[in-house]
PDB file of N, CA and C in Angstrom:
ATOM      1  N   MET A   1      29.490  -3.464 -96.476  1.00  0.00           N
ATOM      2  CA  MET A   1      29.441  -2.871 -95.153  1.00  0.00           C
ATOM      3  C   MET A   1      29.448  -1.342 -95.240  1.00  0.00           C
ATOM      4  N   ASP A   2      30.148  -0.792 -96.238  1.00  0.00           N
ATOM      5  CA  ASP A   2      30.174   0.665 -96.382  1.00  0.00           C
ATOM      6  C   ASP A   2      28.795   1.209 -96.715  1.00  0.00           C
ATOM      7  N   LEU A   3      28.004   0.459 -97.473  1.00  0.00           N
ATOM      8  CA  LEU A   3      26.662   0.925 -97.801  1.00  0.00           C
ATOM      9  C   LEU A   3      25.814   1.045 -96.540  1.00  0.00           C
ATOM     10  N   LEU A   4      25.933   0.104 -95.641  1.00  0.00           N
ATOM     11  CA  LEU A   4      25.206   0.166 -94.369  1.00  0.00           C
ATOM     12  C   LEU A   4      25.672   1.371 -93.548  1.00  0.00           C
ATOM     13  N   ARG A   5      26.971   1.617 -93.515  1.00  0.00           N
ATOM     14  CA  ARG A   5      27.489   2.778 -92.784  1.00  0.00           C
ATOM     15  C   ARG A   5      27.004   4.085 -93.392  1.00  0.00           C
ATOM     16  N   ILE A   6      26.908   4.148 -94.705  1.00  0.00           N
ATOM     17  CA  ILE A   6      26.416   5.366 -95.354  1.00  0.00           C
ATOM     18  C   ILE A   6      24.950   5.580 -95.022  1.00  0.00           C
ATOM     19  N   LEU A   7      24.157   4.525 -95.008  1.00  0.00           N
ATOM     20  CA  LEU A   7      22.748   4.659 -94.633  1.00  0.00           C
ATOM     21  C   LEU A   7      22.608   5.119 -93.184  1.00  0.00           C
ATOM     22  N   ILE A   8      23.437   4.581 -92.301  1.00  0.00           N
ATOM     23  CA  ILE A   8      23.429   5.031 -90.902  1.00  0.00           C
ATOM     24  C   ILE A   8      23.866   6.490 -90.821  1.00  0.00           C
ATOM     25  N   ALA A   9      24.853   6.867 -91.637  1.00  0.00           N
ATOM     26  CA  ALA A   9      25.347   8.250 -91.627  1.00  0.00           C
ATOM     27  C   ALA A   9      24.284   9.237 -92.091  1.00  0.00           C
ATOM     28  N   ILE A  10      23.399   8.803 -92.968  1.00  0.00           N
ATOM     29  CA  ILE A  10      22.327   9.693 -93.413  1.00  0.00           C
ATOM     30  C   ILE A  10      21.315   9.901 -92.290  1.00  0.00           C
ATOM     31  N   LEU A  11      21.047   8.852 -91.529  1.00  0.00           N
ATOM     32  CA  LEU A  11      20.081   8.961 -90.433  1.00  0.00           C
ATOM     33  C   LEU A  11      20.689   9.618 -89.199  1.00  0.00           C
ATOM     34  N   LEU A  12      21.870   9.165 -88.800  1.00  0.00           N
ATOM     35  CA  LEU A  12      22.571   9.692 -87.622  1.00  0.00           C
ATOM     36  C   LEU A  12      24.045   9.872 -87.978  1.00  0.00           C
ATOM     37  N   PRO A  13      24.404  11.035 -88.483  1.00  0.00           N
ATOM     38  CA  PRO A  13      25.777  11.242 -88.965  1.00  0.00           C
ATOM     39  C   PRO A  13      26.879  10.905 -87.937  1.00  0.00           C
ATOM     40  N   PRO A  14      26.778  11.317 -86.666  1.00  0.00           N
ATOM     41  CA  PRO A  14      27.862  10.978 -85.747  1.00  0.00           C
ATOM     42  C   PRO A  14      28.033   9.470 -85.526  1.00  0.00           C
ATOM     43  N   LEU A  15      26.947   8.728 -85.567  1.00  0.00           N
ATOM     44  CA  LEU A  15      27.051   7.276 -85.398  1.00  0.00           C
ATOM     45  C   LEU A  15      27.801   6.655 -86.563  1.00  0.00           C
ATOM     46  N   GLY A  16      27.523   7.107 -87.778  1.00  0.00           N
ATOM     47  CA  GLY A  16      28.245   6.589 -88.937  1.00  0.00           C
ATOM     48  C   GLY A  16      29.732   6.860 -88.854  1.00  0.00           C
ATOM     49  N   VAL A  17      30.093   8.047 -88.401  1.00  0.00           N
ATOM     50  CA  VAL A  17      31.512   8.385 -88.256  1.00  0.00           C
ATOM     51  C   VAL A  17      32.130   7.580 -87.121  1.00  0.00           C
ATOM     52  N   PHE A  18      31.400   7.423 -86.029  1.00  0.00           N
ATOM     53  CA  PHE A  18      31.918   6.640 -84.905  1.00  0.00           C
ATOM     54  C   PHE A  18      32.205   5.201 -85.321  1.00  0.00           C
ATOM     55  N   LEU A  19      31.331   4.601 -86.108  1.00  0.00           N
ATOM     56  CA  LEU A  19      31.550   3.233 -86.559  1.00  0.00           C
ATOM     57  C   LEU A  19      32.779   3.118 -87.451  1.00  0.00           C
ATOM     58  N   GLN A  20      33.128   4.212 -88.116  1.00  0.00           N
ATOM     59  CA  GLN A  20      34.289   4.189 -89.013  1.00  0.00           C
ATOM     60  C   GLN A  20      35.598   4.496 -88.284  1.00  0.00           C
ATOM     61  N   VAL A  21      35.612   5.530 -87.430  1.00  0.00           N
ATOM     62  CA  VAL A  21      36.888   5.983 -86.856  1.00  0.00           C
ATOM     63  C   VAL A  21      36.947   5.910 -85.327  1.00  0.00           C
ATOM     64  N   GLY A  22      35.845   5.690 -84.652  1.00  0.00           N
ATOM     65  CA  GLY A  22      35.864   5.682 -83.188  1.00  0.00           C
ATOM     66  C   GLY A  22      35.824   7.100 -82.638  1.00  0.00           C
ATOM     67  N   PHE A  23      36.400   7.281 -81.447  1.00  0.00           N
ATOM     68  CA  PHE A  23      36.363   8.586 -80.769  1.00  0.00           C
ATOM     69  C   PHE A  23      37.532   9.478 -81.173  1.00  0.00           C
ATOM     70  N   ARG A  24      37.806   9.586 -82.431  1.00  0.00           N
ATOM     71  CA  ARG A  24      38.871  10.468 -82.911  1.00  0.00           C
ATOM     72  C   ARG A  24      38.323  11.850 -83.189  1.00  0.00           C
ATOM     73  N   GLY A  25      39.164  12.715 -83.683  1.00  0.00           N
ATOM     74  CA  GLY A  25      38.785  14.093 -83.950  1.00  0.00           C
ATOM     75  C   GLY A  25      37.656  14.227 -84.960  1.00  0.00           C
ATOM     76  N   ALA A  26      37.612  13.320 -85.951  1.00  0.00           N
ATOM     77  CA  ALA A  26      36.561  13.388 -86.966  1.00  0.00           C
ATOM     78  C   ALA A  26      35.184  13.184 -86.348  1.00  0.00           C
ATOM     79  N   PHE A  27      35.103  12.360 -85.315  1.00  0.00           N
ATOM     80  CA  PHE A  27      33.832  12.131 -84.628  1.00  0.00           C
ATOM     81  C   PHE A  27      33.337  13.401 -83.953  1.00  0.00           C
ATOM     82  N   TRP A  28      34.230  14.062 -83.235  1.00  0.00           N
ATOM     83  CA  TRP A  28      33.841  15.284 -82.530  1.00  0.00           C
ATOM     84  C   TRP A  28      33.524  16.411 -83.506  1.00  0.00           C
ATOM     85  N   LEU A  29      34.272  16.483 -84.602  1.00  0.00           N
ATOM     86  CA  LEU A  29      33.977  17.475 -85.632  1.00  0.00           C
ATOM     87  C   LEU A  29      32.602  17.219 -86.237  1.00  0.00           C
ATOM     88  N   ASN A  30      32.265  15.955 -86.430  1.00  0.00           N
ATOM     89  CA  ASN A  30      30.970  15.634 -86.999  1.00  0.00           C
ATOM     90  C   ASN A  30      29.834  15.980 -86.045  1.00  0.00           C
ATOM     91  N   ILE A  31      30.032  15.793 -84.762  1.00  0.00           N
ATOM     92  CA  ILE A  31      29.007  16.203 -83.801  1.00  0.00           C
ATOM     93  C   ILE A  31      28.791  17.709 -83.889  1.00  0.00           C
ATOM     94  N   LEU A  32      29.869  18.459 -83.957  1.00  0.00           N
ATOM     95  CA  LEU A  32      29.762  19.914 -84.069  1.00  0.00           C
ATOM     96  C   LEU A  32      29.044  20.314 -85.358  1.00  0.00           C
ATOM     97  N   LEU A  33      29.416  19.713 -86.468  1.00  0.00           N
ATOM     98  CA  LEU A  33      28.771  20.030 -87.743  1.00  0.00           C
ATOM     99  C   LEU A  33      27.298  19.652 -87.741  1.00  0.00           C
ATOM    100  N   THR A  34      26.960  18.535 -87.115  1.00  0.00           N
ATOM    101  CA  THR A  34      25.567  18.112 -87.045  1.00  0.00           C
ATOM    102  C   THR A  34      24.756  19.062 -86.179  1.00  0.00           C
ATOM    103  N   LEU A  35      25.350  19.567 -85.106  1.00  0.00           N
ATOM    104  CA  LEU A  35      24.642  20.532 -84.266  1.00  0.00           C
ATOM    105  C   LEU A  35      24.447  21.868 -84.979  1.00  0.00           C
ATOM    106  N   LEU A  36      25.418  22.249 -85.798  1.00  0.00           N
ATOM    107  CA  LEU A  36      25.313  23.508 -86.533  1.00  0.00           C
ATOM    108  C   LEU A  36      24.350  23.407 -87.715  1.00  0.00           C
ATOM    109  N   GLY A  37      24.209  22.218 -88.246  1.00  0.00           N
ATOM    110  CA  GLY A  37      23.309  21.995 -89.376  1.00  0.00           C
ATOM    111  C   GLY A  37      23.341  20.532 -89.747  1.00  0.00           C
ATOM    112  N   TYR A  38      22.193  19.967 -89.973  1.00  0.00           N
ATOM    113  CA  TYR A  38      22.118  18.527 -90.226  1.00  0.00           C
ATOM    114  C   TYR A  38      22.844  18.133 -91.509  1.00  0.00           C
ATOM    115  N   PHE A  39      22.677  18.917 -92.587  1.00  0.00           N
ATOM    116  CA  PHE A  39      23.295  18.563 -93.862  1.00  0.00           C
ATOM    117  C   PHE A  39      24.824  18.618 -93.845  1.00  0.00           C
ATOM    118  N   PRO A  40      25.460  19.591 -93.199  1.00  0.00           N
ATOM    119  CA  PRO A  40      26.930  19.533 -93.118  1.00  0.00           C
ATOM    120  C   PRO A  40      27.413  18.269 -92.393  1.00  0.00           C
ATOM    121  N   GLY A  41      26.671  17.834 -91.390  1.00  0.00           N
ATOM    122  CA  GLY A  41      27.027  16.603 -90.689  1.00  0.00           C
ATOM    123  C   GLY A  41      26.932  15.383 -91.589  1.00  0.00           C
ATOM    124  N   ILE A  42      25.891  15.345 -92.421  1.00  0.00           N
ATOM    125  CA  ILE A  42      25.730  14.225 -93.356  1.00  0.00           C
ATOM    126  C   ILE A  42      26.848  14.224 -94.386  1.00  0.00           C
ATOM    127  N   ILE A  43      27.133  15.385 -94.945  1.00  0.00           N
ATOM    128  CA  ILE A  43      28.184  15.475 -95.965  1.00  0.00           C
ATOM    129  C   ILE A  43      29.525  15.042 -95.387  1.00  0.00           C
ATOM    130  N   HIS A  44      29.836  15.504 -94.194  1.00  0.00           N
ATOM    131  CA  HIS A  44      31.100  15.136 -93.563  1.00  0.00           C
ATOM    132  C   HIS A  44      31.142  13.633 -93.275  1.00  0.00           C
ATOM    133  N   ALA A  45      30.056  13.069 -92.776  1.00  0.00           N
ATOM    134  CA  ALA A  45      30.027  11.642 -92.451  1.00  0.00           C
ATOM    135  C   ALA A  45      30.203  10.780 -93.696  1.00  0.00           C
ATOM    136  N   VAL A  46      29.515  11.120 -94.764  1.00  0.00           N
ATOM    137  CA  VAL A  46      29.645  10.337 -95.998  1.00  0.00           C
ATOM    138  C   VAL A  46      31.045  10.474 -96.556  1.00  0.00           C
ATOM    139  N   TRP A  47      31.632  11.669 -96.451  1.00  0.00           N
ATOM    140  CA  TRP A  47      32.998  11.874 -96.933  1.00  0.00           C
ATOM    141  C   TRP A  47      33.998  11.032 -96.123  1.00  0.00           C
ATOM    142  N   ILE A  48      33.845  10.985 -94.817  1.00  0.00           N
ATOM    143  CA  ILE A  48      34.740  10.179 -93.971  1.00  0.00           C
ATOM    144  C   ILE A  48      34.614   8.705 -94.316  1.00  0.00           C
ATOM    145  N   ILE A  49      33.400   8.225 -94.495  1.00  0.00           N
ATOM    146  CA  ILE A  49      33.185   6.812 -94.791  1.00  0.00           C
ATOM    147  C   ILE A  49      33.705   6.459 -96.193  1.00  0.00           C
ATOM    148  N   ALA A  50      33.449   7.305 -97.169  1.00  0.00           N
ATOM    149  CA  ALA A  50      33.893   7.021 -98.535  1.00  0.00           C
ATOM    150  C   ALA A  50      35.405   7.131 -98.669  1.00  0.00           C
ATOM    151  N   ARG A  51      36.023   7.973 -97.875  1.00  0.00           N
ATOM    152  CA  ARG A  51      37.479   8.163 -97.962  1.00  0.00           C
ATOM    153  C   ARG A  51      38.249   6.960 -97.477  1.00  0.00           C
ATOM    154  N   ARG A  52      37.742   6.246 -96.532  1.00  0.00           N
ATOM    155  CA  ARG A  52      38.492   5.109 -95.954  1.00  0.00           C
ATOM    156  C   ARG A  52      38.124   3.818 -96.592  1.00  0.00           C
TER     157      ARG A  52
END
């Protein structure tokens, strides 16, 4: 299941984080990072998914 979440995180980083943690602070941080730059959003999303 984590592999599917990582693939989703590469395509849509906030969705991958949302599937892992819901509407917590990490989700909102990921939206901000994705808006500032796509790659920081991906890195953050993969890190959140791999950490849990």
